[in-house]
């Protein structure tokens, strides 16, 4: 009996909202580790080289919309990862119910809280 590998097209599977949040939580963790962490470390080391470098970095952060948008994007990815991570911890400790309906309700609450926080972050960073 041979077992051939099965190709599963994720775009044809109807995932529940909690499954979608789980996958995007893993993607955001990957982005944090391989994109945000190295870039933030580089920005920090560059800004702390000298007082002139700090002022240059600070002025570019305040005056350049592209840099502010990129920093906002990094902040939003981190916030999303924290919100969904707290949800996963609550699920692991059985504080949130184990049924599909309660899992979907917690996913909706997580997304609503994230979007409210994202709007506040956008308002604070870009305006």
PDB file of N, CA and C in Angstrom:
ATOM      1  N   UNK A   1       0.844  -1.173   0.000  1.00  0.00           N
ATOM      2  CA  UNK A   1       0.000   0.000   0.000  1.00  0.00           C
ATOM      3  C   UNK A   1       0.889   1.236   0.000  1.00  0.00           C
ATOM      4  N   UNK A   2       0.748   2.047  -1.028  1.00  0.00           N
ATOM      5  CA  UNK A   2       1.570   3.253  -1.101  1.00  0.00           C
ATOM      6  C   UNK A   2       0.738   4.451  -0.678  1.00  0.00           C
ATOM      7  N   UNK A   3       1.382   5.310   0.074  1.00  0.00           N
ATOM      8  CA  UNK A   3       0.707   6.535   0.485  1.00  0.00           C
ATOM      9  C   UNK A   3       1.361   7.685  -0.247  1.00  0.00           C
ATOM     10  N   UNK A   4       0.620   8.235  -1.163  1.00  0.00           N
ATOM     11  CA  UNK A   4       1.125   9.374  -1.919  1.00  0.00           C
ATOM     12  C   UNK A   4       0.868  10.645  -1.120  1.00  0.00           C
ATOM     13  N   UNK A   5       1.752  11.612  -1.236  1.00  0.00           N
ATOM     14  CA  UNK A   5       1.487  12.882  -0.557  1.00  0.00           C
ATOM     15  C   UNK A   5       0.272  13.565  -1.180  1.00  0.00           C
ATOM     16  N   UNK A   6      -0.512  14.172  -0.338  1.00  0.00           N
ATOM     17  CA  UNK A   6      -1.735  14.829  -0.779  1.00  0.00           C
ATOM     18  C   UNK A   6      -1.491  16.327  -0.790  1.00  0.00           C
ATOM     19  N   UNK A   7      -1.809  16.953  -1.916  1.00  0.00           N
ATOM     20  CA  UNK A   7      -1.703  18.404  -2.020  1.00  0.00           C
ATOM     21  C   UNK A   7      -3.025  19.006  -1.577  1.00  0.00           C
ATOM     22  N   UNK A   8      -2.971  19.827  -0.556  1.00  0.00           N
ATOM     23  CA  UNK A   8      -4.176  20.471  -0.048  1.00  0.00           C
ATOM     24  C   UNK A   8      -4.103  21.945  -0.411  1.00  0.00           C
ATOM     25  N   UNK A   9      -5.055  22.396  -1.183  1.00  0.00           N
ATOM     26  CA  UNK A   9      -5.124  23.801  -1.565  1.00  0.00           C
ATOM     27  C   UNK A   9      -5.828  24.564  -0.448  1.00  0.00           C
ATOM     28  N   UNK A  10      -5.082  25.413   0.254  1.00  0.00           N
ATOM     29  CA  UNK A  10      -5.651  26.140   1.386  1.00  0.00           C
ATOM     30  C   UNK A  10      -6.685  27.173   0.968  1.00  0.00           C
ATOM     31  N   UNK A  11      -6.677  27.567  -0.312  1.00  0.00           N
ATOM     32  CA  UNK A  11      -7.652  28.550  -0.768  1.00  0.00           C
ATOM     33  C   UNK A  11      -9.016  27.917  -1.035  1.00  0.00           C
ATOM     34  N   UNK A  12      -9.071  26.592  -1.140  1.00  0.00           N
ATOM     35  CA  UNK A  12     -10.342  25.909  -1.377  1.00  0.00           C
ATOM     36  C   UNK A  12     -10.961  25.358  -0.095  1.00  0.00           C
ATOM     37  N   UNK A  13     -10.236  25.414   0.996  1.00  0.00           N
ATOM     38  CA  UNK A  13     -10.750  24.925   2.275  1.00  0.00           C
ATOM     39  C   UNK A  13     -11.447  26.079   2.979  1.00  0.00           C
ATOM     40  N   UNK A  14     -12.628  25.830   3.493  1.00  0.00           N
ATOM     41  CA  UNK A  14     -13.347  26.848   4.254  1.00  0.00           C
ATOM     42  C   UNK A  14     -12.922  26.765   5.720  1.00  0.00           C
ATOM     43  N   UNK A  15     -11.913  27.537   6.053  1.00  0.00           N
ATOM     44  CA  UNK A  15     -11.420  27.563   7.429  1.00  0.00           C
ATOM     45  C   UNK A  15     -12.370  28.372   8.298  1.00  0.00           C
ATOM     46  N   UNK A  16     -12.567  27.963   9.539  1.00  0.00           N
ATOM     47  CA  UNK A  16     -13.278  28.848  10.460  1.00  0.00           C
ATOM     48  C   UNK A  16     -12.390  30.049  10.783  1.00  0.00           C
ATOM     49  N   UNK A  17     -13.002  31.075  11.314  1.00  0.00           N
ATOM     50  CA  UNK A  17     -12.263  32.300  11.618  1.00  0.00           C
ATOM     51  C   UNK A  17     -11.122  32.032  12.596  1.00  0.00           C
ATOM     52  N   UNK A  18     -11.337  31.133  13.527  1.00  0.00           N
ATOM     53  CA  UNK A  18     -10.272  30.824  14.489  1.00  0.00           C
ATOM     54  C   UNK A  18      -9.073  30.166  13.804  1.00  0.00           C
ATOM     55  N   UNK A  19      -9.314  29.366  12.780  1.00  0.00           N
ATOM     56  CA  UNK A  19      -8.214  28.770  12.019  1.00  0.00           C
ATOM     57  C   UNK A  19      -7.452  29.813  11.232  1.00  0.00           C
ATOM     58  N   UNK A  20      -8.182  30.766  10.665  1.00  0.00           N
ATOM     59  CA  UNK A  20      -7.543  31.866   9.938  1.00  0.00           C
ATOM     60  C   UNK A  20      -6.664  32.685  10.878  1.00  0.00           C
ATOM     61  N   UNK A  21      -7.167  32.976  12.091  1.00  0.00           N
ATOM     62  CA  UNK A  21      -6.370  33.722  13.057  1.00  0.00           C
ATOM     63  C   UNK A  21      -5.135  32.938  13.481  1.00  0.00           C
ATOM     64  N   UNK A  22      -5.261  31.636  13.586  1.00  0.00           N
ATOM     65  CA  UNK A  22      -4.115  30.813  13.968  1.00  0.00           C
ATOM     66  C   UNK A  22      -3.022  30.859  12.903  1.00  0.00           C
ATOM     67  N   UNK A  23      -3.414  30.752  11.643  1.00  0.00           N
ATOM     68  CA  UNK A  23      -2.426  30.795  10.558  1.00  0.00           C
ATOM     69  C   UNK A  23      -1.780  32.172  10.466  1.00  0.00           C
ATOM     70  N   UNK A  24      -2.585  33.234  10.555  1.00  0.00           N
ATOM     71  CA  UNK A  24      -2.015  34.582  10.464  1.00  0.00           C
ATOM     72  C   UNK A  24      -1.166  34.916  11.688  1.00  0.00           C
ATOM     73  N   UNK A  25      -1.465  34.296  12.836  1.00  0.00           N
ATOM     74  CA  UNK A  25      -0.615  34.488  14.016  1.00  0.00           C
ATOM     75  C   UNK A  25       0.779  33.915  13.756  1.00  0.00           C
ATOM     76  N   UNK A  26       0.837  32.774  13.113  1.00  0.00           N
ATOM     77  CA  UNK A  26       2.134  32.176  12.785  1.00  0.00           C
ATOM     78  C   UNK A  26       2.878  33.014  11.752  1.00  0.00           C
ATOM     79  N   UNK A  27       2.157  33.542  10.773  1.00  0.00           N
ATOM     80  CA  UNK A  27       2.786  34.391   9.756  1.00  0.00           C
ATOM     81  C   UNK A  27       3.325  35.666  10.396  1.00  0.00           C
ATOM     82  N   UNK A  28       2.546  36.265  11.298  1.00  0.00           N
ATOM     83  CA  UNK A  28       3.021  37.486  11.955  1.00  0.00           C
ATOM     84  C   UNK A  28       4.239  37.200  12.831  1.00  0.00           C
ATOM     85  N   UNK A  29       4.284  36.045  13.472  1.00  0.00           N
ATOM     86  CA  UNK A  29       5.472  35.674  14.248  1.00  0.00           C
ATOM     87  C   UNK A  29       6.693  35.518  13.371  1.00  0.00           C
ATOM     88  N   UNK A  30       6.512  34.924  12.203  1.00  0.00           N
ATOM     89  CA  UNK A  30       7.606  34.796  11.238  1.00  0.00           C
ATOM     90  C   UNK A  30       8.098  36.175  10.802  1.00  0.00           C
ATOM     91  N   UNK A  31       7.158  37.090  10.497  1.00  0.00           N
ATOM     92  CA  UNK A  31       7.540  38.441  10.077  1.00  0.00           C
ATOM     93  C   UNK A  31       8.258  39.190  11.191  1.00  0.00           C
ATOM     94  N   UNK A  32       7.800  39.017  12.414  1.00  0.00           N
ATOM     95  CA  UNK A  32       8.456  39.688  13.540  1.00  0.00           C
ATOM     96  C   UNK A  32       9.892  39.199  13.685  1.00  0.00           C
ATOM     97  N   UNK A  33      10.075  37.890  13.617  1.00  0.00           N
ATOM     98  CA  UNK A  33      11.401  37.332  13.860  1.00  0.00           C
ATOM     99  C   UNK A  33      12.375  37.632  12.728  1.00  0.00           C
ATOM    100  N   UNK A  34      11.918  37.529  11.482  1.00  0.00           N
ATOM    101  CA  UNK A  34      12.846  37.656  10.359  1.00  0.00           C
ATOM    102  C   UNK A  34      12.836  39.028   9.694  1.00  0.00           C
ATOM    103  N   UNK A  35      11.877  39.893  10.001  1.00  0.00           N
ATOM    104  CA  UNK A  35      11.820  41.206   9.360  1.00  0.00           C
ATOM    105  C   UNK A  35      11.901  42.330  10.384  1.00  0.00           C
ATOM    106  N   UNK A  36      11.001  42.328  11.333  1.00  0.00           N
ATOM    107  CA  UNK A  36      10.902  43.456  12.259  1.00  0.00           C
ATOM    108  C   UNK A  36      12.068  43.485  13.238  1.00  0.00           C
ATOM    109  N   UNK A  37      12.429  42.356  13.790  1.00  0.00           N
ATOM    110  CA  UNK A  37      13.513  42.321  14.773  1.00  0.00           C
ATOM    111  C   UNK A  37      14.853  42.781  14.199  1.00  0.00           C
ATOM    112  N   UNK A  38      15.291  42.284  13.037  1.00  0.00           N
ATOM    113  CA  UNK A  38      16.566  42.776  12.493  1.00  0.00           C
ATOM    114  C   UNK A  38      16.518  44.250  12.093  1.00  0.00           C
ATOM    115  N   UNK A  39      15.412  44.684  11.506  1.00  0.00           N
ATOM    116  CA  UNK A  39      15.314  46.088  11.095  1.00  0.00           C
ATOM    117  C   UNK A  39      15.291  46.996  12.314  1.00  0.00           C
ATOM    118  N   UNK A  40      14.561  46.613  13.350  1.00  0.00           N
ATOM    119  CA  UNK A  40      14.524  47.419  14.572  1.00  0.00           C
ATOM    120  C   UNK A  40      15.895  47.468  15.242  1.00  0.00           C
ATOM    121  N   UNK A  41      16.604  46.356  15.248  1.00  0.00           N
ATOM    122  CA  UNK A  41      17.952  46.348  15.830  1.00  0.00           C
ATOM    123  C   UNK A  41      18.888  47.251  15.036  1.00  0.00           C
ATOM    124  N   UNK A  42      18.760  47.232  13.712  1.00  0.00           N
ATOM    125  CA  UNK A  42      19.591  48.112  12.881  1.00  0.00           C
ATOM    126  C   UNK A  42      19.245  49.579  13.133  1.00  0.00           C
ATOM    127  N   UNK A  43      17.946  49.903  13.185  1.00  0.00           N
ATOM    128  CA  UNK A  43      17.538  51.284  13.465  1.00  0.00           C
ATOM    129  C   UNK A  43      18.062  51.735  14.819  1.00  0.00           C
ATOM    130  N   UNK A  44      17.964  50.879  15.811  1.00  0.00           N
ATOM    131  CA  UNK A  44      18.424  51.240  17.147  1.00  0.00           C
ATOM    132  C   UNK A  44      19.934  51.442  17.182  1.00  0.00           C
ATOM    133  N   UNK A  45      20.678  50.542  16.556  1.00  0.00           N
ATOM    134  CA  UNK A  45      22.138  50.696  16.567  1.00  0.00           C
ATOM    135  C   UNK A  45      22.571  51.925  15.780  1.00  0.00           C
ATOM    136  N   UNK A  46      21.870  52.231  14.689  1.00  0.00           N
ATOM    137  CA  UNK A  46      22.197  53.425  13.909  1.00  0.00           C
ATOM    138  C   UNK A  46      21.869  54.690  14.689  1.00  0.00           C
ATOM    139  N   UNK A  47      20.723  54.701  15.357  1.00  0.00           N
ATOM    140  CA  UNK A  47      20.312  55.895  16.093  1.00  0.00           C
ATOM    141  C   UNK A  47      21.187  56.143  17.313  1.00  0.00           C
ATOM    142  N   UNK A  48      21.775  55.101  17.870  1.00  0.00           N
ATOM    143  CA  UNK A  48      22.588  55.259  19.074  1.00  0.00           C
ATOM    144  C   UNK A  48      24.075  55.420  18.794  1.00  0.00           C
ATOM    145  N   UNK A  49      24.462  55.539  17.522  1.00  0.00           N
ATOM    146  CA  UNK A  49      25.875  55.730  17.190  1.00  0.00           C
ATOM    147  C   UNK A  49      26.409  57.054  17.710  1.00  0.00           C
ATOM    148  N   UNK A  50      25.649  58.109  17.488  1.00  0.00           N
ATOM    149  CA  UNK A  50      26.087  59.441  17.913  1.00  0.00           C
ATOM    150  C   UNK A  50      24.856  60.318  18.096  1.00  0.00           C
ATOM    151  N   UNK A  51      25.015  61.459  18.767  1.00  0.00           N
ATOM    152  CA  UNK A  51      23.867  62.366  18.902  1.00  0.00           C
ATOM    153  C   UNK A  51      23.369  62.885  17.548  1.00  0.00           C
ATOM    154  N   UNK A  52      24.279  63.088  16.605  1.00  0.00           N
ATOM    155  CA  UNK A  52      23.870  63.563  15.279  1.00  0.00           C
ATOM    156  C   UNK A  52      23.059  62.495  14.547  1.00  0.00           C
ATOM    157  N   UNK A  53      23.476  61.247  14.690  1.00  0.00           N
ATOM    158  CA  UNK A  53      22.735  60.153  14.052  1.00  0.00           C
ATOM    159  C   UNK A  53      21.345  60.015  14.659  1.00  0.00           C
ATOM    160  N   UNK A  54      21.234  60.223  15.973  1.00  0.00           N
ATOM    161  CA  UNK A  54      19.925  60.163  16.614  1.00  0.00           C
ATOM    162  C   UNK A  54      19.023  61.276  16.103  1.00  0.00           C
ATOM    163  N   UNK A  55      19.556  62.492  16.010  1.00  0.00           N
ATOM    164  CA  UNK A  55      18.755  63.611  15.504  1.00  0.00           C
ATOM    165  C   UNK A  55      18.357  63.393  14.052  1.00  0.00           C
ATOM    166  N   UNK A  56      19.261  62.861  13.243  1.00  0.00           N
ATOM    167  CA  UNK A  56      18.941  62.562  11.846  1.00  0.00           C
ATOM    168  C   UNK A  56      17.819  61.526  11.757  1.00  0.00           C
ATOM    169  N   UNK A  57      17.933  60.475  12.558  1.00  0.00           N
ATOM    170  CA  UNK A  57      16.905  59.434  12.557  1.00  0.00           C
ATOM    171  C   UNK A  57      15.574  59.987  13.048  1.00  0.00           C
ATOM    172  N   UNK A  58      15.606  60.787  14.105  1.00  0.00           N
ATOM    173  CA  UNK A  58      14.388  61.355  14.669  1.00  0.00           C
ATOM    174  C   UNK A  58      13.713  62.308  13.691  1.00  0.00           C
ATOM    175  N   UNK A  59      14.498  63.145  13.000  1.00  0.00           N
ATOM    176  CA  UNK A  59      13.926  64.062  12.010  1.00  0.00           C
ATOM    177  C   UNK A  59      13.320  63.302  10.837  1.00  0.00           C
ATOM    178  N   UNK A  60      13.999  62.259  10.373  1.00  0.00           N
ATOM    179  CA  UNK A  60      13.436  61.458   9.280  1.00  0.00           C
ATOM    180  C   UNK A  60      12.172  60.732   9.712  1.00  0.00           C
ATOM    181  N   UNK A  61      12.135  60.304  10.954  1.00  0.00           N
ATOM    182  CA  UNK A  61      10.939  59.628  11.451  1.00  0.00           C
ATOM    183  C   UNK A  61       9.763  60.592  11.526  1.00  0.00           C
ATOM    184  N   UNK A  62      10.029  61.838  11.868  1.00  0.00           N
ATOM    185  CA  UNK A  62       8.950  62.814  11.972  1.00  0.00           C
ATOM    186  C   UNK A  62       8.534  63.391  10.627  1.00  0.00           C
ATOM    187  N   UNK A  63       9.462  63.517   9.694  1.00  0.00           N
ATOM    188  CA  UNK A  63       9.166  64.227   8.451  1.00  0.00           C
ATOM    189  C   UNK A  63       8.884  63.325   7.261  1.00  0.00           C
ATOM    190  N   UNK A  64       9.322  62.095   7.283  1.00  0.00           N
ATOM    191  CA  UNK A  64       9.176  61.213   6.134  1.00  0.00           C
ATOM    192  C   UNK A  64       7.967  60.294   6.337  1.00  0.00           C
ATOM    193  N   UNK A  65       6.957  60.461   5.488  1.00  0.00           N
ATOM    194  CA  UNK A  65       5.729  59.680   5.615  1.00  0.00           C
ATOM    195  C   UNK A  65       5.969  58.200   5.330  1.00  0.00           C
ATOM    196  N   UNK A  66       6.883  57.890   4.427  1.00  0.00           N
ATOM    197  CA  UNK A  66       7.164  56.492   4.099  1.00  0.00           C
ATOM    198  C   UNK A  66       7.767  55.752   5.296  1.00  0.00           C
ATOM    199  N   UNK A  67       8.683  56.400   5.989  1.00  0.00           N
ATOM    200  CA  UNK A  67       9.299  55.773   7.164  1.00  0.00           C
ATOM    201  C   UNK A  67       8.274  55.625   8.278  1.00  0.00           C
ATOM    202  N   UNK A  68       7.449  56.649   8.491  1.00  0.00           N
ATOM    203  CA  UNK A  68       6.409  56.553   9.523  1.00  0.00           C
ATOM    204  C   UNK A  68       5.413  55.455   9.206  1.00  0.00           C
ATOM    205  N   UNK A  69       5.067  55.297   7.931  1.00  0.00           N
ATOM    206  CA  UNK A  69       4.143  54.236   7.534  1.00  0.00           C
ATOM    207  C   UNK A  69       4.768  52.865   7.756  1.00  0.00           C
ATOM    208  N   UNK A  70       6.053  52.727   7.448  1.00  0.00           N
ATOM    209  CA  UNK A  70       6.737  51.455   7.669  1.00  0.00           C
ATOM    210  C   UNK A  70       6.806  51.127   9.157  1.00  0.00           C
ATOM    211  N   UNK A  71       7.105  52.114   9.984  1.00  0.00           N
ATOM    212  CA  UNK A  71       7.143  51.894  11.433  1.00  0.00           C
ATOM    213  C   UNK A  71       5.748  51.529  11.938  1.00  0.00           C
ATOM    214  N   UNK A  72       4.725  52.187  11.404  1.00  0.00           N
ATOM    215  CA  UNK A  72       3.355  51.852  11.779  1.00  0.00           C
ATOM    216  C   UNK A  72       3.022  50.413  11.388  1.00  0.00           C
ATOM    217  N   UNK A  73       3.452  49.985  10.203  1.00  0.00           N
ATOM    218  CA  UNK A  73       3.231  48.617   9.749  1.00  0.00           C
ATOM    219  C   UNK A  73       3.890  47.625  10.708  1.00  0.00           C
ATOM    220  N   UNK A  74       5.095  47.926  11.150  1.00  0.00           N
ATOM    221  CA  UNK A  74       5.780  47.043  12.094  1.00  0.00           C
ATOM    222  C   UNK A  74       5.040  47.000  13.435  1.00  0.00           C
ATOM    223  N   UNK A  75       4.556  48.146  13.887  1.00  0.00           N
ATOM    224  CA  UNK A  75       3.819  48.200  15.153  1.00  0.00           C
ATOM    225  C   UNK A  75       2.525  47.402  15.058  1.00  0.00           C
ATOM    226  N   UNK A  76       1.818  47.533  13.934  1.00  0.00           N
ATOM    227  CA  UNK A  76       0.549  46.821  13.772  1.00  0.00           C
ATOM    228  C   UNK A  76       0.749  45.309  13.713  1.00  0.00           C
ATOM    229  N   UNK A  77       1.803  44.856  13.055  1.00  0.00           N
ATOM    230  CA  UNK A  77       2.086  43.413  13.025  1.00  0.00           C
ATOM    231  C   UNK A  77       2.357  42.905  14.440  1.00  0.00           C
ATOM    232  N   UNK A  78       3.133  43.663  15.191  1.00  0.00           N
ATOM    233  CA  UNK A  78       3.433  43.249  16.561  1.00  0.00           C
ATOM    234  C   UNK A  78       2.172  43.235  17.421  1.00  0.00           C
ATOM    235  N   UNK A  79       1.320  44.270  17.282  1.00  0.00           N
ATOM    236  CA  UNK A  79       0.083  44.316  18.055  1.00  0.00           C
ATOM    237  C   UNK A  79      -0.834  43.147  17.703  1.00  0.00           C
ATOM    238  N   UNK A  80      -0.941  42.834  16.414  1.00  0.00           N
ATOM    239  CA  UNK A  80      -1.775  41.710  15.997  1.00  0.00           C
ATOM    240  C   UNK A  80      -1.254  40.410  16.606  1.00  0.00           C
ATOM    241  N   UNK A  81       0.050  40.239  16.594  1.00  0.00           N
ATOM    242  CA  UNK A  81       0.651  39.030  17.149  1.00  0.00           C
ATOM    243  C   UNK A  81       0.375  38.931  18.651  1.00  0.00           C
ATOM    244  N   UNK A  82       0.429  40.040  19.354  1.00  0.00           N
ATOM    245  CA  UNK A  82       0.157  40.032  20.795  1.00  0.00           C
ATOM    246  C   UNK A  82      -1.308  39.696  21.058  1.00  0.00           C
ATOM    247  N   UNK A  83      -2.234  40.328  20.332  1.00  0.00           N
ATOM    248  CA  UNK A  83      -3.658  40.062  20.545  1.00  0.00           C
ATOM    249  C   UNK A  83      -4.006  38.602  20.278  1.00  0.00           C
ATOM    250  N   UNK A  84      -3.538  38.075  19.150  1.00  0.00           N
ATOM    251  CA  UNK A  84      -3.858  36.679  18.846  1.00  0.00           C
ATOM    252  C   UNK A  84      -3.092  35.723  19.760  1.00  0.00           C
ATOM    253  N   UNK A  85      -1.913  36.127  20.208  1.00  0.00           N
ATOM    254  CA  UNK A  85      -1.163  35.296  21.148  1.00  0.00           C
ATOM    255  C   UNK A  85      -1.858  35.190  22.494  1.00  0.00           C
ATOM    256  N   UNK A  86      -2.413  36.295  22.983  1.00  0.00           N
ATOM    257  CA  UNK A  86      -3.171  36.259  24.238  1.00  0.00           C
ATOM    258  C   UNK A  86      -4.399  35.372  24.071  1.00  0.00           C
ATOM    259  N   UNK A  87      -5.049  35.456  22.917  1.00  0.00           N
ATOM    260  CA  UNK A  87      -6.202  34.590  22.646  1.00  0.00           C
ATOM    261  C   UNK A  87      -5.794  33.119  22.668  1.00  0.00           C
ATOM    262  N   UNK A  88      -4.666  32.801  22.049  1.00  0.00           N
ATOM    263  CA  UNK A  88      -4.191  31.413  22.049  1.00  0.00           C
ATOM    264  C   UNK A  88      -3.853  30.944  23.467  1.00  0.00           C
ATOM    265  N   UNK A  89      -3.267  31.816  24.271  1.00  0.00           N
ATOM    266  CA  UNK A  89      -2.972  31.433  25.655  1.00  0.00           C
ATOM    267  C   UNK A  89      -4.251  31.179  26.442  1.00  0.00           C
ATOM    268  N   UNK A  90      -5.267  32.023  26.235  1.00  0.00           N
ATOM    269  CA  UNK A  90      -6.543  31.806  26.915  1.00  0.00           C
ATOM    270  C   UNK A  90      -7.193  30.503  26.463  1.00  0.00           C
ATOM    271  N   UNK A  91      -7.040  30.167  25.197  1.00  0.00           N
ATOM    272  CA  UNK A  91      -7.548  28.878  24.713  1.00  0.00           C
ATOM    273  C   UNK A  91      -6.766  27.717  25.325  1.00  0.00           C
ATOM    274  N   UNK A  92      -5.450  27.861  25.442  1.00  0.00           N
ATOM    275  CA  UNK A  92      -4.623  26.788  25.998  1.00  0.00           C
ATOM    276  C   UNK A  92      -4.919  26.531  27.473  1.00  0.00           C
ATOM    277  N   UNK A  93      -5.251  27.589  28.214  1.00  0.00           N
ATOM    278  CA  UNK A  93      -5.556  27.440  29.636  1.00  0.00           C
ATOM    279  C   UNK A  93      -7.034  27.149  29.888  1.00  0.00           C
ATOM    280  N   UNK A  94      -7.792  26.922  28.815  1.00  0.00           N
ATOM    281  CA  UNK A  94      -9.218  26.583  28.881  1.00  0.00           C
ATOM    282  C   UNK A  94     -10.039  27.669  29.567  1.00  0.00           C
ATOM    283  N   UNK A  95      -9.604  28.907  29.446  1.00  0.00           N
ATOM    284  CA  UNK A  95     -10.388  30.027  29.959  1.00  0.00           C
ATOM    285  C   UNK A  95     -11.492  30.359  28.967  1.00  0.00           C
ATOM    286  N   UNK A  96     -11.172  30.256  27.696  1.00  0.00           N
ATOM    287  CA  UNK A  96     -12.165  30.399  26.638  1.00  0.00           C
ATOM    288  C   UNK A  96     -12.623  28.993  26.284  1.00  0.00           C
ATOM    289  N   UNK A  97     -13.901  28.832  26.009  1.00  0.00           N
ATOM    290  CA  UNK A  97     -14.457  27.512  25.737  1.00  0.00           C
ATOM    291  C   UNK A  97     -13.801  26.803  24.571  1.00  0.00           C
ATOM    292  N   UNK A  98     -14.032  25.509  24.512  1.00  0.00           N
ATOM    293  CA  UNK A  98     -13.395  24.683  23.498  1.00  0.00           C
ATOM    294  C   UNK A  98     -14.284  24.420  22.294  1.00  0.00           C
ATOM    295  N   UNK A  99     -15.514  24.868  22.313  1.00  0.00           N
ATOM    296  CA  UNK A  99     -16.404  24.611  21.180  1.00  0.00           C
ATOM    297  C   UNK A  99     -16.071  25.556  20.028  1.00  0.00           C
ATOM    298  N   UNK A 100     -16.542  25.189  18.851  1.00  0.00           N
ATOM    299  CA  UNK A 100     -16.274  26.002  17.667  1.00  0.00           C
ATOM    300  C   UNK A 100     -16.946  27.362  17.769  1.00  0.00           C
ATOM    301  N   UNK A 101     -18.147  27.409  18.329  1.00  0.00           N
ATOM    302  CA  UNK A 101     -18.854  28.691  18.422  1.00  0.00           C
ATOM    303  C   UNK A 101     -18.148  29.646  19.381  1.00  0.00           C
ATOM    304  N   UNK A 102     -17.706  29.153  20.535  1.00  0.00           N
ATOM    305  CA  UNK A 102     -17.002  30.041  21.468  1.00  0.00           C
ATOM    306  C   UNK A 102     -15.638  30.439  20.920  1.00  0.00           C
ATOM    307  N   UNK A 103     -15.023  29.553  20.154  1.00  0.00           N
ATOM    308  CA  UNK A 103     -13.747  29.890  19.525  1.00  0.00           C
ATOM    309  C   UNK A 103     -13.931  30.979  18.473  1.00  0.00           C
ATOM    310  N   UNK A 104     -15.009  30.893  17.708  1.00  0.00           N
ATOM    311  CA  UNK A 104     -15.286  31.935  16.716  1.00  0.00           C
ATOM    312  C   UNK A 104     -15.657  33.255  17.375  1.00  0.00           C
ATOM    313  N   UNK A 105     -16.384  33.200  18.487  1.00  0.00           N
ATOM    314  CA  UNK A 105     -16.724  34.431  19.212  1.00  0.00           C
ATOM    315  C   UNK A 105     -15.454  35.090  19.742  1.00  0.00           C
ATOM    316  N   UNK A 106     -14.544  34.296  20.296  1.00  0.00           N
ATOM    317  CA  UNK A 106     -13.290  34.873  20.789  1.00  0.00           C
ATOM    318  C   UNK A 106     -12.456  35.425  19.640  1.00  0.00           C
ATOM    319  N   UNK A 107     -12.541  34.802  18.458  1.00  0.00           N
ATOM    320  CA  UNK A 107     -11.821  35.322  17.293  1.00  0.00           C
ATOM    321  C   UNK A 107     -12.390  36.666  16.863  1.00  0.00           C
ATOM    322  N   UNK A 108     -13.707  36.795  16.873  1.00  0.00           N
ATOM    323  CA  UNK A 108     -14.334  38.070  16.504  1.00  0.00           C
ATOM    324  C   UNK A 108     -13.970  39.149  17.519  1.00  0.00           C
ATOM    325  N   UNK A 109     -14.013  38.814  18.804  1.00  0.00           N
ATOM    326  CA  UNK A 109     -13.644  39.787  19.843  1.00  0.00           C
ATOM    327  C   UNK A 109     -12.188  40.213  19.681  1.00  0.00           C
ATOM    328  N   UNK A 110     -11.322  39.262  19.388  1.00  0.00           N
ATOM    329  CA  UNK A 110      -9.904  39.575  19.173  1.00  0.00           C
ATOM    330  C   UNK A 110      -9.726  40.517  17.998  1.00  0.00           C
ATOM    331  N   UNK A 111     -10.415  40.245  16.891  1.00  0.00           N
ATOM    332  CA  UNK A 111     -10.293  41.114  15.717  1.00  0.00           C
ATOM    333  C   UNK A 111     -10.855  42.501  15.979  1.00  0.00           C
ATOM    334  N   UNK A 112     -11.978  42.586  16.680  1.00  0.00           N
ATOM    335  CA  UNK A 112     -12.562  43.898  16.988  1.00  0.00           C
ATOM    336  C   UNK A 112     -11.610  44.703  17.866  1.00  0.00           C
ATOM    337  N   UNK A 113     -11.054  44.071  18.893  1.00  0.00           N
ATOM    338  CA  UNK A 113     -10.104  44.776  19.759  1.00  0.00           C
ATOM    339  C   UNK A 113      -8.855  45.200  18.993  1.00  0.00           C
ATOM    340  N   UNK A 114      -8.384  44.328  18.098  1.00  0.00           N
ATOM    341  CA  UNK A 114      -7.213  44.688  17.301  1.00  0.00           C
ATOM    342  C   UNK A 114      -7.523  45.863  16.384  1.00  0.00           C
ATOM    343  N   UNK A 115      -8.678  45.860  15.718  1.00  0.00           N
ATOM    344  CA  UNK A 115      -8.997  46.953  14.805  1.00  0.00           C
ATOM    345  C   UNK A 115      -9.190  48.273  15.544  1.00  0.00           C
ATOM    346  N   UNK A 116      -9.770  48.234  16.729  1.00  0.00           N
ATOM    347  CA  UNK A 116      -9.879  49.460  17.528  1.00  0.00           C
ATOM    348  C   UNK A 116      -8.486  49.965  17.893  1.00  0.00           C
ATOM    349  N   UNK A 117      -7.633  49.066  18.339  1.00  0.00           N
ATOM    350  CA  UNK A 117      -6.263  49.442  18.680  1.00  0.00           C
ATOM    351  C   UNK A 117      -5.493  49.917  17.450  1.00  0.00           C
ATOM    352  N   UNK A 118      -5.735  49.287  16.302  1.00  0.00           N
ATOM    353  CA  UNK A 118      -5.057  49.695  15.066  1.00  0.00           C
ATOM    354  C   UNK A 118      -5.483  51.102  14.659  1.00  0.00           C
ATOM    355  N   UNK A 119      -6.765  51.410  14.777  1.00  0.00           N
ATOM    356  CA  UNK A 119      -7.228  52.760  14.433  1.00  0.00           C
ATOM    357  C   UNK A 119      -6.602  53.805  15.345  1.00  0.00           C
ATOM    358  N   UNK A 120      -6.501  53.495  16.626  1.00  0.00           N
ATOM    359  CA  UNK A 120      -5.855  54.426  17.560  1.00  0.00           C
ATOM    360  C   UNK A 120      -4.379  54.581  17.210  1.00  0.00           C
ATOM    361  N   UNK A 121      -3.717  53.487  16.862  1.00  0.00           N
ATOM    362  CA  UNK A 121      -2.298  53.552  16.493  1.00  0.00           C
ATOM    363  C   UNK A 121      -2.092  54.355  15.220  1.00  0.00           C
ATOM    364  N   UNK A 122      -2.948  54.152  14.236  1.00  0.00           N
ATOM    365  CA  UNK A 122      -2.853  54.923  12.990  1.00  0.00           C
ATOM    366  C   UNK A 122      -3.057  56.395  13.276  1.00  0.00           C
ATOM    367  N   UNK A 123      -4.023  56.703  14.118  1.00  0.00           N
ATOM    368  CA  UNK A 123      -4.291  58.092  14.462  1.00  0.00           C
ATOM    369  C   UNK A 123      -3.095  58.714  15.182  1.00  0.00           C
ATOM    370  N   UNK A 124      -2.458  57.970  16.074  1.00  0.00           N
ATOM    371  CA  UNK A 124      -1.330  58.517  16.826  1.00  0.00           C
ATOM    372  C   UNK A 124      -0.065  58.644  15.982  1.00  0.00           C
ATOM    373  N   UNK A 125       0.177  57.710  15.079  1.00  0.00           N
ATOM    374  CA  UNK A 125       1.435  57.712  14.331  1.00  0.00           C
ATOM    375  C   UNK A 125       1.362  58.605  13.104  1.00  0.00           C
ATOM    376  N   UNK A 126       0.282  58.538  12.362  1.00  0.00           N
ATOM    377  CA  UNK A 126       0.240  59.253  11.087  1.00  0.00           C
ATOM    378  C   UNK A 126      -0.310  60.668  11.185  1.00  0.00           C
ATOM    379  N   UNK A 127      -1.059  60.966  12.200  1.00  0.00           N
ATOM    380  CA  UNK A 127      -1.621  62.324  12.273  1.00  0.00           C
ATOM    381  C   UNK A 127      -0.857  63.218  13.204  1.00  0.00           C
TER     382      UNK A 127
END
